N, C-alpha and C. Protein backbone atom coordinates (compact mmCIF):
# COMPACT_ATOMS: atom_id res chain seq x y z
N MET A 1 80.86 20.92 121.97
CA MET A 1 81.70 19.99 121.24
C MET A 1 81.56 20.24 119.73
N PRO A 2 82.65 20.16 119.00
CA PRO A 2 82.59 20.31 117.54
C PRO A 2 81.76 19.19 116.91
N ALA A 3 81.36 19.42 115.68
CA ALA A 3 80.58 18.43 114.94
C ALA A 3 80.99 18.45 113.48
N LEU A 4 80.71 17.34 112.82
CA LEU A 4 81.05 17.19 111.40
C LEU A 4 79.82 16.85 110.59
N TRP A 5 79.77 17.38 109.39
CA TRP A 5 78.88 16.85 108.36
C TRP A 5 79.71 15.81 107.62
N LEU A 6 79.22 14.60 107.52
CA LEU A 6 79.86 13.55 106.73
C LEU A 6 78.92 13.21 105.58
N VAL A 7 79.36 13.50 104.37
CA VAL A 7 78.51 13.32 103.20
C VAL A 7 79.23 12.42 102.20
N ASN A 8 78.57 11.35 101.81
CA ASN A 8 79.08 10.43 100.79
C ASN A 8 78.07 10.44 99.66
N LEU A 9 78.56 10.54 98.42
CA LEU A 9 77.59 10.66 97.33
C LEU A 9 78.12 10.13 96.01
N ASP A 10 77.17 9.80 95.16
CA ASP A 10 77.40 9.52 93.75
C ASP A 10 76.54 10.51 92.97
N GLU A 11 77.17 11.30 92.15
CA GLU A 11 76.46 12.26 91.31
C GLU A 11 75.65 11.51 90.26
N THR A 12 74.37 11.86 90.13
CA THR A 12 73.51 11.21 89.14
C THR A 12 73.03 12.17 88.06
N ASP A 13 73.08 13.47 88.34
CA ASP A 13 72.66 14.50 87.39
C ASP A 13 73.60 15.68 87.58
N LYS A 14 74.61 15.77 86.70
CA LYS A 14 75.65 16.79 86.84
C LYS A 14 75.09 18.21 86.88
N GLU A 15 74.15 18.52 86.02
CA GLU A 15 73.59 19.87 85.97
C GLU A 15 72.91 20.23 87.29
N ALA A 16 72.10 19.33 87.80
CA ALA A 16 71.41 19.60 89.08
C ALA A 16 72.42 19.72 90.21
N TYR A 17 73.40 18.82 90.26
CA TYR A 17 74.36 18.87 91.35
C TYR A 17 75.27 20.10 91.25
N ASP A 18 75.57 20.53 90.05
CA ASP A 18 76.34 21.76 89.87
C ASP A 18 75.59 22.97 90.43
N ARG A 19 74.26 22.99 90.29
CA ARG A 19 73.46 24.08 90.87
C ARG A 19 73.61 24.08 92.39
N TYR A 20 73.56 22.90 92.98
CA TYR A 20 73.76 22.78 94.43
C TYR A 20 75.17 23.22 94.82
N ARG A 21 76.15 22.69 94.13
CA ARG A 21 77.55 22.95 94.46
C ARG A 21 77.89 24.44 94.36
N SER A 22 77.29 25.14 93.42
CA SER A 22 77.62 26.55 93.22
C SER A 22 77.16 27.43 94.38
N HIS A 23 76.25 26.94 95.23
CA HIS A 23 75.75 27.74 96.35
C HIS A 23 76.02 27.11 97.73
N SER A 24 76.33 25.84 97.77
CA SER A 24 76.45 25.16 99.06
C SER A 24 77.60 25.71 99.90
N GLY A 25 78.71 26.04 99.27
CA GLY A 25 79.85 26.57 100.01
C GLY A 25 79.51 27.84 100.76
N ASP A 26 78.78 28.74 100.12
CA ASP A 26 78.38 29.99 100.78
C ASP A 26 77.49 29.72 101.98
N ALA A 27 76.54 28.79 101.83
CA ALA A 27 75.64 28.46 102.94
C ALA A 27 76.40 27.86 104.11
N VAL A 28 77.37 27.00 103.81
CA VAL A 28 78.17 26.38 104.87
C VAL A 28 79.02 27.44 105.58
N LEU A 29 79.72 28.26 104.83
CA LEU A 29 80.59 29.28 105.42
C LEU A 29 79.80 30.30 106.23
N LYS A 30 78.63 30.66 105.77
CA LYS A 30 77.79 31.62 106.48
C LYS A 30 77.45 31.13 107.88
N HIS A 31 77.38 29.83 108.05
CA HIS A 31 77.01 29.25 109.34
C HIS A 31 78.21 28.70 110.10
N GLY A 32 79.40 29.14 109.71
CA GLY A 32 80.59 28.81 110.47
C GLY A 32 81.24 27.49 110.12
N GLY A 33 80.81 26.86 109.05
CA GLY A 33 81.40 25.59 108.66
C GLY A 33 82.73 25.78 107.94
N ARG A 34 83.57 24.77 108.05
CA ARG A 34 84.87 24.78 107.36
C ARG A 34 85.05 23.43 106.68
N PHE A 35 85.27 23.47 105.38
CA PHE A 35 85.47 22.23 104.63
C PHE A 35 86.81 21.62 105.00
N LEU A 36 86.79 20.36 105.40
CA LEU A 36 88.02 19.62 105.70
C LEU A 36 88.40 18.71 104.54
N ALA A 37 87.41 18.21 103.83
CA ALA A 37 87.66 17.34 102.67
C ALA A 37 86.54 17.54 101.66
N ARG A 38 86.94 17.66 100.40
CA ARG A 38 85.99 17.77 99.30
C ARG A 38 86.52 16.96 98.13
N ASN A 39 86.19 15.71 98.12
CA ASN A 39 86.51 14.85 97.00
C ASN A 39 88.00 14.55 96.87
N GLY A 40 88.72 14.57 97.98
CA GLY A 40 90.10 14.12 97.94
C GLY A 40 90.16 12.61 97.79
N ARG A 41 91.35 12.08 97.77
CA ARG A 41 91.50 10.62 97.65
C ARG A 41 90.85 9.94 98.85
N SER A 42 90.27 8.79 98.59
CA SER A 42 89.69 8.00 99.67
C SER A 42 89.80 6.52 99.31
N MET A 43 89.73 5.69 100.34
CA MET A 43 89.78 4.26 100.14
C MET A 43 88.67 3.64 100.98
N GLN A 44 87.69 3.07 100.34
CA GLN A 44 86.58 2.44 101.03
C GLN A 44 87.04 1.10 101.58
N LYS A 45 86.94 0.91 102.88
CA LYS A 45 87.38 -0.32 103.52
C LYS A 45 86.21 -1.23 103.88
N GLU A 46 85.05 -0.65 104.16
CA GLU A 46 83.87 -1.43 104.49
C GLU A 46 82.65 -0.72 103.93
N GLY A 47 81.61 -1.48 103.68
CA GLY A 47 80.37 -0.87 103.21
C GLY A 47 80.44 -0.44 101.76
N ARG A 48 79.45 0.31 101.37
CA ARG A 48 79.29 0.76 99.99
C ARG A 48 80.24 1.91 99.68
N ALA A 49 80.89 1.85 98.56
CA ALA A 49 81.78 2.92 98.13
C ALA A 49 80.99 3.99 97.38
N PHE A 50 81.35 5.24 97.62
CA PHE A 50 80.78 6.38 96.90
C PHE A 50 81.90 7.06 96.14
N SER A 51 81.55 7.75 95.08
CA SER A 51 82.57 8.39 94.25
C SER A 51 83.05 9.73 94.82
N ARG A 52 82.29 10.30 95.73
CA ARG A 52 82.66 11.61 96.29
C ARG A 52 82.37 11.60 97.79
N ASN A 53 83.28 12.21 98.56
CA ASN A 53 83.14 12.30 100.01
C ASN A 53 83.45 13.72 100.45
N VAL A 54 82.62 14.25 101.35
CA VAL A 54 82.79 15.61 101.83
C VAL A 54 82.72 15.60 103.35
N VAL A 55 83.62 16.35 103.99
CA VAL A 55 83.62 16.49 105.44
C VAL A 55 83.66 17.99 105.75
N VAL A 56 82.72 18.43 106.60
CA VAL A 56 82.65 19.83 107.00
C VAL A 56 82.66 19.89 108.52
N ARG A 57 83.46 20.78 109.10
CA ARG A 57 83.55 20.91 110.55
C ARG A 57 82.84 22.17 111.01
N PHE A 58 82.10 22.04 112.10
CA PHE A 58 81.45 23.17 112.77
C PHE A 58 81.93 23.20 114.21
N GLU A 59 81.88 24.36 114.84
CA GLU A 59 82.35 24.51 116.22
C GLU A 59 81.47 23.76 117.23
N THR A 60 80.18 23.62 116.92
CA THR A 60 79.28 22.91 117.82
C THR A 60 78.31 22.05 117.02
N TYR A 61 77.75 21.06 117.69
CA TYR A 61 76.73 20.21 117.09
C TYR A 61 75.50 21.05 116.71
N GLU A 62 75.13 21.96 117.60
CA GLU A 62 73.96 22.81 117.34
C GLU A 62 74.17 23.67 116.10
N GLN A 63 75.38 24.15 115.92
CA GLN A 63 75.70 24.96 114.74
C GLN A 63 75.60 24.11 113.47
N ALA A 64 76.05 22.87 113.53
CA ALA A 64 75.97 21.98 112.37
C ALA A 64 74.52 21.68 112.00
N VAL A 65 73.69 21.44 112.99
CA VAL A 65 72.27 21.18 112.75
C VAL A 65 71.60 22.44 112.21
N ALA A 66 71.89 23.58 112.82
CA ALA A 66 71.29 24.84 112.38
C ALA A 66 71.68 25.17 110.94
N ALA A 67 72.91 24.88 110.56
CA ALA A 67 73.33 25.14 109.18
C ALA A 67 72.52 24.30 108.21
N TYR A 68 72.34 23.01 108.53
CA TYR A 68 71.57 22.14 107.66
C TYR A 68 70.11 22.60 107.57
N GLU A 69 69.56 23.03 108.68
CA GLU A 69 68.15 23.43 108.72
C GLU A 69 67.92 24.88 108.29
N SER A 70 68.99 25.62 108.00
CA SER A 70 68.86 27.04 107.64
C SER A 70 68.11 27.22 106.33
N ASP A 71 67.50 28.37 106.19
CA ASP A 71 66.79 28.71 104.95
C ASP A 71 67.74 28.67 103.76
N GLU A 72 68.98 29.16 103.96
CA GLU A 72 69.94 29.19 102.85
C GLU A 72 70.24 27.79 102.34
N TYR A 73 70.46 26.87 103.27
CA TYR A 73 70.80 25.51 102.85
C TYR A 73 69.57 24.78 102.31
N GLN A 74 68.46 24.93 102.99
CA GLN A 74 67.24 24.24 102.54
C GLN A 74 66.80 24.72 101.16
N SER A 75 67.09 25.97 100.81
CA SER A 75 66.68 26.49 99.50
C SER A 75 67.46 25.86 98.34
N ILE A 76 68.62 25.25 98.63
CA ILE A 76 69.41 24.61 97.56
C ILE A 76 69.43 23.09 97.67
N LEU A 77 68.92 22.57 98.78
CA LEU A 77 69.01 21.14 99.04
C LEU A 77 68.34 20.30 97.95
N SER A 78 67.25 20.77 97.38
CA SER A 78 66.56 19.99 96.35
C SER A 78 67.48 19.69 95.16
N HIS A 79 68.40 20.61 94.86
CA HIS A 79 69.34 20.36 93.75
C HIS A 79 70.26 19.19 94.08
N ALA A 80 70.70 19.12 95.35
CA ALA A 80 71.55 18.00 95.77
C ALA A 80 70.77 16.69 95.69
N LEU A 81 69.54 16.70 96.17
CA LEU A 81 68.73 15.48 96.18
C LEU A 81 68.35 15.05 94.77
N ASP A 82 68.16 16.02 93.87
CA ASP A 82 67.86 15.70 92.47
C ASP A 82 69.10 15.26 91.71
N GLY A 83 70.28 15.69 92.17
CA GLY A 83 71.50 15.47 91.41
C GLY A 83 72.42 14.40 91.93
N ALA A 84 72.06 13.76 93.06
CA ALA A 84 72.98 12.77 93.62
C ALA A 84 72.23 11.78 94.51
N GLU A 85 72.80 10.60 94.58
CA GLU A 85 72.40 9.64 95.59
C GLU A 85 73.41 9.84 96.71
N ARG A 86 72.93 10.14 97.93
CA ARG A 86 73.89 10.47 98.98
C ARG A 86 73.43 10.02 100.35
N GLN A 87 74.42 9.92 101.21
CA GLN A 87 74.21 9.70 102.64
C GLN A 87 74.73 10.95 103.33
N PHE A 88 74.02 11.40 104.34
CA PHE A 88 74.39 12.64 105.04
C PHE A 88 74.16 12.40 106.52
N VAL A 89 75.20 12.58 107.32
CA VAL A 89 75.06 12.42 108.76
C VAL A 89 75.79 13.56 109.46
N ILE A 90 75.22 14.01 110.58
CA ILE A 90 75.87 15.00 111.43
C ILE A 90 76.37 14.27 112.67
N VAL A 91 77.66 14.40 112.96
CA VAL A 91 78.29 13.64 114.04
C VAL A 91 78.99 14.62 115.00
N GLU A 92 78.68 14.50 116.28
CA GLU A 92 79.41 15.27 117.29
C GLU A 92 80.75 14.59 117.54
N THR A 93 81.82 15.38 117.63
CA THR A 93 83.14 14.79 117.85
C THR A 93 83.47 14.77 119.35
N ASP A 94 84.56 14.13 119.69
CA ASP A 94 84.97 14.01 121.08
C ASP A 94 85.86 15.16 121.55
N ASP A 95 86.32 16.00 120.64
CA ASP A 95 87.22 17.07 121.10
C ASP A 95 86.63 18.44 120.94
C-alpha cells in the first residue's frame, strides 16, 4: 500500500531550514518519494495552523519509513529540527 509523509511546520531559523531544504529533495527522490504538495495554499479547519505543509508519496509504507530512517535523510534532519517547529507523520493510504 502507498504511504505519505505529512509534514506541518513553522520555520523558526531560516538559515538552518534552508540547509535542510537544499538537500531534502534529493534524499526523498533517491528513496522513491514524490512531492505532492510543498507549501501550496491550505486552509486549517481544525487544530493548530502551521505556515507550511508538505506531502510526499511513496509506493509503500516500508519505503516511506526507510526513506526517513536512511543515512541520507538522517544526516540532514538536524537542520530541520534546528530550523523549524514541526509535526511529521507517516501514513499508509487505502489505495
